[in-house]
Amino acid sequence: PETVTLYENGVKRFKTLANTGITAAPTENGTYPVYSRFTVTTMS
């Protein structure tokens, strides 16, 4: 099962189940920085 794990200073602090992209719209493998954040937004 797909998961998201948060590490703080190298220590696992939180883990949850998650969903990534389907085959036709995959979530790309790699390492990326968070560049923008919203408490709530519209996605289209």
Full PDB file with SEQRES, HELIX, SHEET, SSBOND, CRYST1, ORIGX, SCALE, CONECT and MASTER records, all heavy atoms in Angstrom:
SEQRES   1 A   44  PRO GLU THR VAL THR LEU TYR GLU ASN GLY VAL LYS ARG          
SEQRES   2 A   44  PHE LYS THR LEU ALA ASN THR GLY ILE THR ALA ALA PRO          
SEQRES   3 A   44  THR GLU ASN GLY THR TYR PRO VAL TYR SER ARG PHE THR          
SEQRES   4 A   44  VAL THR THR MET SER                                          
SHEET    1 AA1 2 THR A   3  GLU A   8  0                                        
SHEET    2 AA1 2 VAL A  11  LEU A  17 -1                                        
CRYST1    1.000    1.000    1.000  90.00  90.00  90.00 P 1           1          
ORIGX1      1.000000  0.000000  0.000000        0.00000                         
ORIGX2      0.000000  1.000000  0.000000        0.00000                         
ORIGX3      0.000000  0.000000  1.000000        0.00000                         
SCALE1      1.000000  0.000000  0.000000        0.00000                         
SCALE2      0.000000  1.000000  0.000000        0.00000                         
SCALE3      0.000000  0.000000  1.000000        0.00000                         
ATOM      1  N   PRO A   1       0.833  -1.201   0.000  1.00  0.00           N  
ATOM      2  CA  PRO A   1       0.000   0.000   0.000  1.00  0.00           C  
ATOM      3  C   PRO A   1       0.872   1.257   0.000  1.00  0.00           C  
ATOM      4  O   PRO A   1       1.867   1.350   0.711  1.00  0.00           O  
ATOM      5  CB  PRO A   1      -0.793  -0.113   1.304  1.00  0.00           C  
ATOM      6  CG  PRO A   1       0.098  -0.891   2.219  1.00  0.00           C  
ATOM      7  CD  PRO A   1       0.852  -1.853   1.328  1.00  0.00           C  
ATOM      8  N   GLU A   2       0.496   2.225  -0.841  1.00  0.00           N  
ATOM      9  CA  GLU A   2       1.253   3.465  -0.965  1.00  0.00           C  
ATOM     10  C   GLU A   2       1.161   4.268   0.326  1.00  0.00           C  
ATOM     11  O   GLU A   2       0.107   4.317   0.964  1.00  0.00           O  
ATOM     12  CB  GLU A   2       0.726   4.293  -2.137  1.00  0.00           C  
ATOM     13  CG  GLU A   2       0.959   3.602  -3.460  1.00  0.00           C  
ATOM     14  CD  GLU A   2       0.473   4.407  -4.640  1.00  0.00           C  
ATOM     15  OE1 GLU A   2      -0.579   5.084  -4.524  1.00  0.00           O  
ATOM     16  OE2 GLU A   2       1.138   4.354  -5.682  1.00  0.00           O  
ATOM     17  N   THR A   3       2.277   4.886   0.698  1.00  0.00           N  
ATOM     18  CA  THR A   3       2.326   5.644   1.948  1.00  0.00           C  
ATOM     19  C   THR A   3       3.116   6.938   1.786  1.00  0.00           C  
ATOM     20  O   THR A   3       3.901   7.095   0.855  1.00  0.00           O  
ATOM     21  CB  THR A   3       2.993   4.823   3.074  1.00  0.00           C  
ATOM     22  OG1 THR A   3       4.322   4.467   2.659  1.00  0.00           O  
ATOM     23  CG2 THR A   3       2.200   3.579   3.414  1.00  0.00           C  
ATOM     24  N   VAL A   4       2.897   7.825   2.746  1.00  0.00           N  
ATOM     25  CA  VAL A   4       3.686   9.039   2.918  1.00  0.00           C  
ATOM     26  C   VAL A   4       4.272   8.974   4.319  1.00  0.00           C  
ATOM     27  O   VAL A   4       3.552   8.712   5.286  1.00  0.00           O  
ATOM     28  CB  VAL A   4       2.815  10.318   2.783  1.00  0.00           C  
ATOM     29  CG1 VAL A   4       3.579  11.556   3.226  1.00  0.00           C  
ATOM     30  CG2 VAL A   4       2.319  10.476   1.358  1.00  0.00           C  
ATOM     31  N   THR A   5       5.586   9.210   4.424  1.00  0.00           N  
ATOM     32  CA  THR A   5       6.255   9.210   5.715  1.00  0.00           C  
ATOM     33  C   THR A   5       6.978  10.530   5.903  1.00  0.00           C  
ATOM     34  O   THR A   5       7.703  10.982   5.011  1.00  0.00           O  
ATOM     35  CB  THR A   5       7.275   8.052   5.811  1.00  0.00           C  
ATOM     36  OG1 THR A   5       6.598   6.821   5.524  1.00  0.00           O  
ATOM     37  CG2 THR A   5       7.894   7.977   7.196  1.00  0.00           C  
ATOM     38  N   LEU A   6       6.771  11.152   7.061  1.00  0.00           N  
ATOM     39  CA  LEU A   6       7.450  12.398   7.422  1.00  0.00           C  
ATOM     40  C   LEU A   6       8.607  12.076   8.358  1.00  0.00           C  
ATOM     41  O   LEU A   6       8.427  11.375   9.357  1.00  0.00           O  
ATOM     42  CB  LEU A   6       6.479  13.348   8.134  1.00  0.00           C  
ATOM     43  CG  LEU A   6       7.110  14.557   8.834  1.00  0.00           C  
ATOM     44  CD1 LEU A   6       7.704  15.527   7.809  1.00  0.00           C  
ATOM     45  CD2 LEU A   6       6.085  15.255   9.721  1.00  0.00           C  
ATOM     46  N   TYR A   7       9.779  12.606   8.028  1.00  0.00           N  
ATOM     47  CA  TYR A   7      10.952  12.504   8.894  1.00  0.00           C  
ATOM     48  C   TYR A   7      11.313  13.905   9.371  1.00  0.00           C  
ATOM     49  O   TYR A   7      11.347  14.843   8.576  1.00  0.00           O  
ATOM     50  CB  TYR A   7      12.147  11.918   8.133  1.00  0.00           C  
ATOM     51  CG  TYR A   7      11.948  10.479   7.745  1.00  0.00           C  
ATOM     52  CD1 TYR A   7      11.327  10.143   6.548  1.00  0.00           C  
ATOM     53  CD2 TYR A   7      12.380   9.459   8.582  1.00  0.00           C  
ATOM     54  CE1 TYR A   7      11.143   8.812   6.199  1.00  0.00           C  
ATOM     55  CE2 TYR A   7      12.196   8.122   8.231  1.00  0.00           C  
ATOM     56  CZ  TYR A   7      11.574   7.818   7.035  1.00  0.00           C  
ATOM     57  OH  TYR A   7      11.386   6.510   6.684  1.00  0.00           O  
ATOM     58  N   GLU A   8      11.549  14.042  10.663  1.00  0.00           N  
ATOM     59  CA  GLU A   8      12.033  15.297  11.242  1.00  0.00           C  
ATOM     60  C   GLU A   8      13.418  15.027  11.809  1.00  0.00           C  
ATOM     61  O   GLU A   8      13.571  14.176  12.684  1.00  0.00           O  
ATOM     62  CB  GLU A   8      11.116  15.793  12.353  1.00  0.00           C  
ATOM     63  CG  GLU A   8       9.799  16.320  11.871  1.00  0.00           C  
ATOM     64  CD  GLU A   8       8.947  16.846  13.014  1.00  0.00           C  
ATOM     65  OE1 GLU A   8       9.097  16.378  14.159  1.00  0.00           O  
ATOM     66  OE2 GLU A   8       8.116  17.715  12.735  1.00  0.00           O  
ATOM     67  N   ASN A   9      14.418  15.738  11.284  1.00  0.00           N  
ATOM     68  CA  ASN A   9      15.802  15.537  11.713  1.00  0.00           C  
ATOM     69  C   ASN A   9      16.187  14.063  11.682  1.00  0.00           C  
ATOM     70  O   ASN A   9      16.860  13.553  12.579  1.00  0.00           O  
ATOM     71  CB  ASN A   9      16.044  16.143  13.097  1.00  0.00           C  
ATOM     72  CG  ASN A   9      15.905  17.653  13.068  1.00  0.00           C  
ATOM     73  OD1 ASN A   9      16.304  18.307  12.105  1.00  0.00           O  
ATOM     74  ND2 ASN A   9      15.322  18.204  14.112  1.00  0.00           N  
ATOM     75  N   GLY A  10      15.737  13.356  10.644  1.00  0.00           N  
ATOM     76  CA  GLY A  10      16.097  11.958  10.450  1.00  0.00           C  
ATOM     77  C   GLY A  10      15.271  10.957  11.221  1.00  0.00           C  
ATOM     78  O   GLY A  10      15.489   9.750  11.112  1.00  0.00           O  
ATOM     79  N   VAL A  11      14.304  11.409  12.002  1.00  0.00           N  
ATOM     80  CA  VAL A  11      13.482  10.513  12.813  1.00  0.00           C  
ATOM     81  C   VAL A  11      12.071  10.436  12.218  1.00  0.00           C  
ATOM     82  O   VAL A  11      11.446  11.462  11.969  1.00  0.00           O  
ATOM     83  CB  VAL A  11      13.414  11.010  14.280  1.00  0.00           C  
ATOM     84  CG1 VAL A  11      12.510  10.116  15.112  1.00  0.00           C  
ATOM     85  CG2 VAL A  11      14.804  11.100  14.883  1.00  0.00           C  
ATOM     86  N   LYS A  12      11.587   9.203  12.017  1.00  0.00           N  
ATOM     87  CA  LYS A  12      10.235   9.034  11.485  1.00  0.00           C  
ATOM     88  C   LYS A  12       9.228   9.547  12.504  1.00  0.00           C  
ATOM     89  O   LYS A  12       9.208   9.107  13.648  1.00  0.00           O  
ATOM     90  CB  LYS A  12       9.957   7.567  11.165  1.00  0.00           C  
ATOM     91  CG  LYS A  12       8.600   7.370  10.541  1.00  0.00           C  
ATOM     92  CD  LYS A  12       8.215   5.991  10.050  1.00  0.00           C  
ATOM     93  CE  LYS A  12       8.960   4.839  10.511  1.00  0.00           C  
ATOM     94  NZ  LYS A  12       8.398   3.545  10.056  1.00  0.00           N  
ATOM     95  N   ARG A  13       8.399  10.501  12.091  1.00  0.00           N  
ATOM     96  CA  ARG A  13       7.426  11.114  12.999  1.00  0.00           C  
ATOM     97  C   ARG A  13       5.977  10.823  12.643  1.00  0.00           C  
ATOM     98  O   ARG A  13       5.104  10.904  13.501  1.00  0.00           O  
ATOM     99  CB  ARG A  13       7.612  12.634  13.028  1.00  0.00           C  
ATOM    100  CG  ARG A  13       8.921  13.096  13.550  1.00  0.00           C  
ATOM    101  CD  ARG A  13       8.997  12.857  15.027  1.00  0.00           C  
ATOM    102  NE  ARG A  13      10.237  13.449  15.536  1.00  0.00           N  
ATOM    103  CZ  ARG A  13      10.771  13.134  16.672  1.00  0.00           C  
ATOM    104  NH1 ARG A  13      10.202  12.233  17.446  1.00  0.00           N  
ATOM    105  NH2 ARG A  13      11.891  13.687  17.064  1.00  0.00           N  
ATOM    106  N   PHE A  14       5.716  10.525  11.359  1.00  0.00           N  
ATOM    107  CA  PHE A  14       4.322  10.364  10.935  1.00  0.00           C  
ATOM    108  C   PHE A  14       4.289   9.535   9.663  1.00  0.00           C  
ATOM    109  O   PHE A  14       5.151   9.674   8.802  1.00  0.00           O  
ATOM    110  CB  PHE A  14       3.699  11.746  10.681  1.00  0.00           C  
ATOM    111  CG  PHE A  14       2.260  11.707  10.258  1.00  0.00           C  
ATOM    112  CD1 PHE A  14       1.260  11.397  11.161  1.00  0.00           C  
ATOM    113  CD2 PHE A  14       1.907  11.974   8.943  1.00  0.00           C  
ATOM    114  CE1 PHE A  14      -0.068  11.353  10.769  1.00  0.00           C  
ATOM    115  CE2 PHE A  14       0.585  11.936   8.541  1.00  0.00           C  
ATOM    116  CZ  PHE A  14      -0.406  11.627   9.453  1.00  0.00           C  
ATOM    117  N   LYS A  15       3.270   8.676   9.562  1.00  0.00           N  
ATOM    118  CA  LYS A  15       3.094   7.866   8.355  1.00  0.00           C  
ATOM    119  C   LYS A  15       1.614   7.698   8.096  1.00  0.00           C  
ATOM    120  O   LYS A  15       0.839   7.507   9.031  1.00  0.00           O  
ATOM    121  CB  LYS A  15       3.768   6.499   8.532  1.00  0.00           C  
ATOM    122  CG  LYS A  15       3.768   5.649   7.284  1.00  0.00           C  
ATOM    123  CD  LYS A  15       4.610   4.394   7.507  1.00  0.00           C  
ATOM    124  CE  LYS A  15       4.694   3.568   6.237  1.00  0.00           C  
ATOM    125  NZ  LYS A  15       5.559   2.388   6.437  1.00  0.00           N  
ATOM    126  N   THR A  16       1.214   7.771   6.831  1.00  0.00           N  
ATOM    127  CA  THR A  16      -0.179   7.614   6.452  1.00  0.00           C  
ATOM    128  C   THR A  16      -0.283   6.924   5.106  1.00  0.00           C  
ATOM    129  O   THR A  16       0.644   6.974   4.299  1.00  0.00           O  
ATOM    130  CB  THR A  16      -0.900   8.975   6.387  1.00  0.00           C  
ATOM    131  OG1 THR A  16      -2.287   8.761   6.074  1.00  0.00           O  
ATOM    132  CG2 THR A  16      -0.302   9.887   5.335  1.00  0.00           C  
ATOM    133  N   LEU A  17      -1.423   6.296   4.861  1.00  0.00           N  
ATOM    134  CA  LEU A  17      -1.715   5.774   3.535  1.00  0.00           C  
ATOM    135  C   LEU A  17      -1.921   6.940   2.579  1.00  0.00           C  
ATOM    136  O   LEU A  17      -2.369   8.023   2.990  1.00  0.00           O  
ATOM    137  CB  LEU A  17      -2.968   4.897   3.557  1.00  0.00           C  
ATOM    138  CG  LEU A  17      -2.836   3.545   4.247  1.00  0.00           C  
ATOM    139  CD1 LEU A  17      -4.199   2.866   4.329  1.00  0.00           C  
ATOM    140  CD2 LEU A  17      -1.841   2.653   3.517  1.00  0.00           C  
ATOM    141  N   ALA A  18      -1.614   6.715   1.313  1.00  0.00           N  
ATOM    142  CA  ALA A  18      -1.740   7.770   0.312  1.00  0.00           C  
ATOM    143  C   ALA A  18      -2.053   7.152  -1.043  1.00  0.00           C  
ATOM    144  O   ALA A  18      -1.988   5.940  -1.218  1.00  0.00           O  
ATOM    145  CB  ALA A  18      -0.444   8.569   0.235  1.00  0.00           C  
ATOM    146  N   ASN A  19      -2.394   8.017  -1.992  1.00  0.00           N  
ATOM    147  CA  ASN A  19      -2.602   7.614  -3.379  1.00  0.00           C  
ATOM    148  C   ASN A  19      -1.673   8.432  -4.267  1.00  0.00           C  
ATOM    149  O   ASN A  19      -1.556   9.643  -4.082  1.00  0.00           O  
ATOM    150  CB  ASN A  19      -4.041   7.887  -3.828  1.00  0.00           C  
ATOM    151  CG  ASN A  19      -5.058   7.180  -2.971  1.00  0.00           C  
ATOM    152  OD1 ASN A  19      -4.830   6.087  -2.493  1.00  0.00           O  
ATOM    153  ND2 ASN A  19      -6.204   7.817  -2.774  1.00  0.00           N  
ATOM    154  N   THR A  20      -1.055   7.777  -5.249  1.00  0.00           N  
ATOM    155  CA  THR A  20      -0.260   8.495  -6.238  1.00  0.00           C  
ATOM    156  C   THR A  20      -0.974   8.407  -7.583  1.00  0.00           C  
ATOM    157  O   THR A  20      -2.112   7.944  -7.666  1.00  0.00           O  
ATOM    158  CB  THR A  20       1.171   7.915  -6.331  1.00  0.00           C  
ATOM    159  OG1 THR A  20       1.096   6.558  -6.762  1.00  0.00           O  
ATOM    160  CG2 THR A  20       1.897   8.026  -5.006  1.00  0.00           C  
ATOM    161  N   GLY A  21      -0.282   8.837  -8.640  1.00  0.00           N  
ATOM    162  CA  GLY A  21      -0.896   8.929  -9.955  1.00  0.00           C  
ATOM    163  C   GLY A  21      -1.151   7.607 -10.657  1.00  0.00           C  
ATOM    164  O   GLY A  21      -0.395   6.649 -10.514  1.00  0.00           O  
ATOM    165  N   ILE A  22      -2.221   7.617 -11.429  1.00  0.00           N  
ATOM    166  CA  ILE A  22      -2.572   6.465 -12.261  1.00  0.00           C  
ATOM    167  C   ILE A  22      -1.580   6.355 -13.422  1.00  0.00           C  
ATOM    168  O   ILE A  22      -0.802   7.278 -13.677  1.00  0.00           O  
ATOM    169  CB  ILE A  22      -4.020   6.585 -12.786  1.00  0.00           C  
ATOM    170  CG1 ILE A  22      -4.186   7.869 -13.611  1.00  0.00           C  
ATOM    171  CG2 ILE A  22      -5.022   6.544 -11.633  1.00  0.00           C  
ATOM    172  CD1 ILE A  22      -5.531   8.043 -14.281  1.00  0.00           C  
ATOM    173  N   THR A  23      -1.616   5.247 -14.142  1.00  0.00           N  
ATOM    174  CA  THR A  23      -0.681   5.019 -15.252  1.00  0.00           C  
ATOM    175  C   THR A  23      -0.722   6.136 -16.281  1.00  0.00           C  
ATOM    176  O   THR A  23       0.311   6.560 -16.793  1.00  0.00           O  
ATOM    177  CB  THR A  23      -0.983   3.656 -15.928  1.00  0.00           C  
ATOM    178  OG1 THR A  23      -0.906   2.635 -14.935  1.00  0.00           O  
ATOM    179  CG2 THR A  23       0.002   3.357 -17.035  1.00  0.00           C  
ATOM    180  N   ALA A  24      -1.907   6.647 -16.598  1.00  0.00           N  
ATOM    181  CA  ALA A  24      -2.053   7.703 -17.610  1.00  0.00           C  
ATOM    182  C   ALA A  24      -1.591   9.071 -17.104  1.00  0.00           C  
ATOM    183  O   ALA A  24      -1.390   9.990 -17.905  1.00  0.00           O  
ATOM    184  CB  ALA A  24      -3.502   7.786 -18.068  1.00  0.00           C  
ATOM    185  N   ALA A  25      -1.389   9.228 -15.790  1.00  0.00           N  
ATOM    186  CA  ALA A  25      -0.944  10.494 -15.201  1.00  0.00           C  
ATOM    187  C   ALA A  25      -0.106  10.181 -13.959  1.00  0.00           C  
ATOM    188  O   ALA A  25      -0.519  10.442 -12.830  1.00  0.00           O  
ATOM    189  CB  ALA A  25      -2.147  11.370 -14.837  1.00  0.00           C  
ATOM    190  N   PRO A  26       1.075   9.595 -14.161  1.00  0.00           N  
ATOM    191  CA  PRO A  26       1.859   9.100 -13.022  1.00  0.00           C  
ATOM    192  C   PRO A  26       2.482  10.212 -12.184  1.00  0.00           C  
ATOM    193  O   PRO A  26       2.701  11.318 -12.661  1.00  0.00           O  
ATOM    194  CB  PRO A  26       2.951   8.266 -13.687  1.00  0.00           C  
ATOM    195  CG  PRO A  26       3.126   8.897 -15.031  1.00  0.00           C  
ATOM    196  CD  PRO A  26       1.748   9.367 -15.435  1.00  0.00           C  
ATOM    197  N   THR A  27       2.761   9.872 -10.935  1.00  0.00           N  
ATOM    198  CA  THR A  27       3.560  10.730 -10.072  1.00  0.00           C  
ATOM    199  C   THR A  27       5.009  10.378 -10.379  1.00  0.00           C  
ATOM    200  O   THR A  27       5.414   9.222 -10.243  1.00  0.00           O  
ATOM    201  CB  THR A  27       3.254  10.454  -8.583  1.00  0.00           C  
ATOM    202  OG1 THR A  27       1.841  10.536  -8.379  1.00  0.00           O  
ATOM    203  CG2 THR A  27       3.969  11.434  -7.681  1.00  0.00           C  
ATOM    204  N   GLU A  28       5.787  11.362 -10.814  1.00  0.00           N  
ATOM    205  CA  GLU A  28       7.164  11.115 -11.248  1.00  0.00           C  
ATOM    206  C   GLU A  28       8.058  10.755 -10.075  1.00  0.00           C  
ATOM    207  O   GLU A  28       8.006  11.412  -9.029  1.00  0.00           O  
ATOM    208  CB  GLU A  28       7.728  12.352 -11.959  1.00  0.00           C  
ATOM    209  CG  GLU A  28       7.025  12.705 -13.240  1.00  0.00           C  
ATOM    210  CD  GLU A  28       7.192  11.676 -14.348  1.00  0.00           C  
ATOM    211  OE1 GLU A  28       8.261  11.034 -14.425  1.00  0.00           O  
ATOM    212  OE2 GLU A  28       6.241  11.499 -15.122  1.00  0.00           O  
ATOM    213  N   ASN A  29       8.886   9.727 -10.258  1.00  0.00           N  
ATOM    214  CA  ASN A  29       9.894   9.400  -9.265  1.00  0.00           C  
ATOM    215  C   ASN A  29      10.959  10.487  -9.232  1.00  0.00           C  
ATOM    216  O   ASN A  29      11.264  11.099 -10.257  1.00  0.00           O  
ATOM    217  CB  ASN A  29      10.567   8.067  -9.594  1.00  0.00           C  
ATOM    218  CG  ASN A  29       9.666   6.879  -9.353  1.00  0.00           C  
ATOM    219  OD1 ASN A  29       8.635   6.984  -8.684  1.00  0.00           O  
ATOM    220  ND2 ASN A  29      10.034   5.743  -9.906  1.00  0.00           N  
ATOM    221  N   GLY A  30      11.513  10.728  -8.060  1.00  0.00           N  
ATOM    222  CA  GLY A  30      12.586  11.706  -7.913  1.00  0.00           C  
ATOM    223  C   GLY A  30      12.486  12.422  -6.585  1.00  0.00           C  
ATOM    224  O   GLY A  30      11.610  12.122  -5.765  1.00  0.00           O  
ATOM    225  N   THR A  31      13.389  13.369  -6.387  1.00  0.00           N  
ATOM    226  CA  THR A  31      13.397  14.194  -5.181  1.00  0.00           C  
ATOM    227  C   THR A  31      13.225  15.636  -5.598  1.00  0.00           C  
ATOM    228  O   THR A  31      13.973  16.130  -6.456  1.00  0.00           O  
ATOM    229  CB  THR A  31      14.706  14.006  -4.389  1.00  0.00           C  
ATOM    230  OG1 THR A  31      14.799  12.630  -4.000  1.00  0.00           O  
ATOM    231  CG2 THR A  31      14.737  14.883  -3.150  1.00  0.00           C  
ATOM    232  N   TYR A  32      12.258  16.311  -4.995  1.00  0.00           N  
ATOM    233  CA  TYR A  32      11.882  17.671  -5.389  1.00  0.00           C  
ATOM    234  C   TYR A  32      11.626  18.521  -4.149  1.00  0.00           C  
ATOM    235  O   TYR A  32      11.122  18.020  -3.148  1.00  0.00           O  
ATOM    236  CB  TYR A  32      10.589  17.643  -6.222  1.00  0.00           C  
ATOM    237  CG  TYR A  32      10.589  16.610  -7.320  1.00  0.00           C  
ATOM    238  CD1 TYR A  32       9.996  15.361  -7.127  1.00  0.00           C  
ATOM    239  CD2 TYR A  32      11.186  16.874  -8.539  1.00  0.00           C  
ATOM    240  CE1 TYR A  32       9.998  14.404  -8.135  1.00  0.00           C  
ATOM    241  CE2 TYR A  32      11.191  15.924  -9.559  1.00  0.00           C  
ATOM    242  CZ  TYR A  32      10.597  14.689  -9.347  1.00  0.00           C  
ATOM    243  OH  TYR A  32      10.593  13.741 -10.333  1.00  0.00           O  
ATOM    244  N   PRO A  33      11.900  19.836  -4.214  1.00  0.00           N  
ATOM    245  CA  PRO A  33      11.587  20.703  -3.079  1.00  0.00           C  
ATOM    246  C   PRO A  33      10.158  21.228  -3.159  1.00  0.00           C  
ATOM    247  O   PRO A  33       9.633  21.493  -4.243  1.00  0.00           O  
ATOM    248  CB  PRO A  33      12.573  21.858  -3.244  1.00  0.00           C  
ATOM    249  CG  PRO A  33      12.768  21.956  -4.725  1.00  0.00           C  
ATOM    250  CD  PRO A  33      12.679  20.534  -5.243  1.00  0.00           C  
ATOM    251  N   VAL A  34       9.522  21.377  -2.010  1.00  0.00           N  
ATOM    252  CA  VAL A  34       8.229  22.058  -1.954  1.00  0.00           C  
ATOM    253  C   VAL A  34       8.476  23.500  -2.385  1.00  0.00           C  
ATOM    254  O   VAL A  34       9.384  24.169  -1.885  1.00  0.00           O  
ATOM    255  CB  VAL A  34       7.628  22.012  -0.530  1.00  0.00           C  
ATOM    256  CG1 VAL A  34       6.412  22.933  -0.422  1.00  0.00           C  
ATOM    257  CG2 VAL A  34       7.265  20.584  -0.156  1.00  0.00           C  
ATOM    258  N   TYR A  35       7.693  23.980  -3.359  1.00  0.00           N  
ATOM    259  CA  TYR A  35       7.917  25.334  -3.873  1.00  0.00           C  
ATOM    260  C   TYR A  35       6.721  26.267  -3.692  1.00  0.00           C  
ATOM    261  O   TYR A  35       6.850  27.482  -3.864  1.00  0.00           O  
ATOM    262  CB  TYR A  35       8.340  25.296  -5.342  1.00  0.00           C  
ATOM    263  CG  TYR A  35       7.256  24.833  -6.288  1.00  0.00           C  
ATOM    264  CD1 TYR A  35       6.323  25.730  -6.806  1.00  0.00           C  
ATOM    265  CD2 TYR A  35       7.166  23.500  -6.663  1.00  0.00           C  
ATOM    266  CE1 TYR A  35       5.334  25.312  -7.667  1.00  0.00           C  
ATOM    267  CE2 TYR A  35       6.177  23.067  -7.518  1.00  0.00           C  
ATOM    268  CZ  TYR A  35       5.270  23.977  -8.024  1.00  0.00           C  
ATOM    269  OH  TYR A  35       4.281  23.554  -8.872  1.00  0.00           O  
ATOM    270  N   SER A  36       5.575  25.727  -3.318  1.00  0.00           N  
ATOM    271  CA  SER A  36       4.391  26.564  -3.118  1.00  0.00           C  
ATOM    272  C   SER A  36       3.429  25.815  -2.206  1.00  0.00           C  
ATOM    273  O   SER A  36       3.348  24.583  -2.272  1.00  0.00           O  
ATOM    274  CB  SER A  36       3.723  26.858  -4.461  1.00  0.00           C  
ATOM    275  OG  SER A  36       2.631  27.741  -4.313  1.00  0.00           O  
ATOM    276  N   ARG A  37       2.689  26.582  -1.365  1.00  0.00           N  
ATOM    277  CA  ARG A  37       1.795  25.942  -0.388  1.00  0.00           C  
ATOM    278  C   ARG A  37       0.505  26.739  -0.246  1.00  0.00           C  
ATOM    279  O   ARG A  37       0.502  27.957  -0.365  1.00  0.00           O  
ATOM    280  CB  ARG A  37       2.479  25.894   0.984  1.00  0.00           C  
ATOM    281  CG  ARG A  37       3.792  25.188   0.977  1.00  0.00           C  
ATOM    282  CD  ARG A  37       4.513  25.333   2.309  1.00  0.00           C  
ATOM    283  NE  ARG A  37       3.907  24.475   3.302  1.00  0.00           N  
ATOM    284  CZ  ARG A  37       3.475  24.890   4.485  1.00  0.00           C  
ATOM    285  NH1 ARG A  37       3.583  26.131   4.851  1.00  0.00           N  
ATOM    286  NH2 ARG A  37       2.937  24.037   5.328  1.00  0.00           N  
ATOM    287  N   PHE A  38      -0.567  26.010   0.058  1.00  0.00           N  
ATOM    288  CA  PHE A  38      -1.874  26.628   0.291  1.00  0.00           C  
ATOM    289  C   PHE A  38      -2.605  25.842   1.375  1.00  0.00           C  
ATOM    290  O   PHE A  38      -2.552  24.614   1.385  1.00  0.00           O  
ATOM    291  CB  PHE A  38      -2.737  26.607  -0.976  1.00  0.00           C  
ATOM    292  CG  PHE A  38      -2.125  27.317  -2.138  1.00  0.00           C  
ATOM    293  CD1 PHE A  38      -1.359  26.629  -3.062  1.00  0.00           C  
ATOM    294  CD2 PHE A  38      -2.291  28.681  -2.296  1.00  0.00           C  
ATOM    295  CE1 PHE A  38      -0.781  27.276  -4.140  1.00  0.00           C  
ATOM    296  CE2 PHE A  38      -1.712  29.352  -3.362  1.00  0.00           C  
ATOM    297  CZ  PHE A  38      -0.962  28.646  -4.290  1.00  0.00           C  
ATOM    298  N   THR A  39      -3.310  26.549   2.247  1.00  0.00           N  
ATOM    299  CA  THR A  39      -4.155  25.839   3.204  1.00  0.00           C  
ATOM    300  C   THR A  39      -5.372  25.270   2.493  1.00  0.00           C  
ATOM    301  O   THR A  39      -5.877  24.217   2.873  1.00  0.00           O  
ATOM    302  CB  THR A  39      -4.606  26.747   4.366  1.00  0.00           C  
ATOM    303  OG1 THR A  39      -5.234  27.903   3.817  1.00  0.00           O  
ATOM    304  CG2 THR A  39      -3.444  27.132   5.250  1.00  0.00           C  
ATOM    305  N   VAL A  40      -5.823  25.944   1.451  1.00  0.00           N  
ATOM    306  CA  VAL A  40      -6.922  25.449   0.608  1.00  0.00           C  
ATOM    307  C   VAL A  40      -6.790  26.113  -0.757  1.00  0.00           C  
ATOM    308  O   VAL A  40      -6.395  27.277  -0.856  1.00  0.00           O  
ATOM    309  CB  VAL A  40      -8.306  25.715   1.239  1.00  0.00           C  
ATOM    310  CG1 VAL A  40      -8.609  27.187   1.319  1.00  0.00           C  
ATOM    311  CG2 VAL A  40      -9.394  24.969   0.501  1.00  0.00           C  
ATOM    312  N   THR A  41      -7.092  25.362  -1.808  1.00  0.00           N  
ATOM    313  CA  THR A  41      -6.996  25.915  -3.158  1.00  0.00           C  
ATOM    314  C   THR A  41      -7.927  25.157  -4.096  1.00  0.00           C  
ATOM    315  O   THR A  41      -8.564  24.176  -3.703  1.00  0.00           O  
ATOM    316  CB  THR A  41      -5.538  25.858  -3.684  1.00  0.00           C  
ATOM    317  OG1 THR A  41      -5.429  26.661  -4.863  1.00  0.00           O  
ATOM    318  CG2 THR A  41      -5.087  24.446  -3.982  1.00  0.00           C  
ATOM    319  N   THR A  42      -7.992  25.608  -5.333  1.00  0.00           N  
ATOM    320  CA  THR A  42      -8.742  24.944  -6.389  1.00  0.00           C  
ATOM    321  C   THR A  42      -7.737  24.317  -7.353  1.00  0.00           C  
ATOM    322  O   THR A  42      -6.752  24.958  -7.712  1.00  0.00           O  
ATOM    323  CB  THR A  42      -9.631  25.954  -7.149  1.00  0.00           C  
ATOM    324  OG1 THR A  42     -10.592  26.474  -6.226  1.00  0.00           O  
ATOM    325  CG2 THR A  42     -10.340  25.311  -8.328  1.00  0.00           C  
ATOM    326  N   MET A  43      -7.984  23.096  -7.737  1.00  0.00           N  
ATOM    327  CA  MET A  43      -7.137  22.416  -8.721  1.00  0.00           C  
ATOM    328  C   MET A  43      -7.977  22.143  -9.954  1.00  0.00           C  
ATOM    329  O   MET A  43      -9.111  21.683  -9.851  1.00  0.00           O  
ATOM    330  CB  MET A  43      -6.590  21.110  -8.155  1.00  0.00           C  
ATOM    331  CG  MET A  43      -5.623  21.305  -7.019  1.00  0.00           C  
ATOM    332  SD  MET A  43      -4.976  19.725  -6.476  1.00  0.00           S  
ATOM    333  CE  MET A  43      -3.572  20.284  -5.533  1.00  0.00           C  
ATOM    334  N   SER A  44      -7.395  22.438 -11.106  1.00  0.00           N  
ATOM    335  CA  SER A  44      -8.114  22.195 -12.354  1.00  0.00           C  
ATOM    336  C   SER A  44      -7.134  21.768 -13.430  1.00  0.00           C  
ATOM    337  O   SER A  44      -5.939  21.998 -13.325  1.00  0.00           O  
ATOM    338  CB  SER A  44      -8.886  23.450 -12.786  1.00  0.00           C  
ATOM    339  OG  SER A  44      -8.008  24.543 -12.906  1.00  0.00           O  
TER     340      SER A  44                                                      
MASTER        0    0    0    0    2    0    0    6  339    1    0    4          
END                                                                             
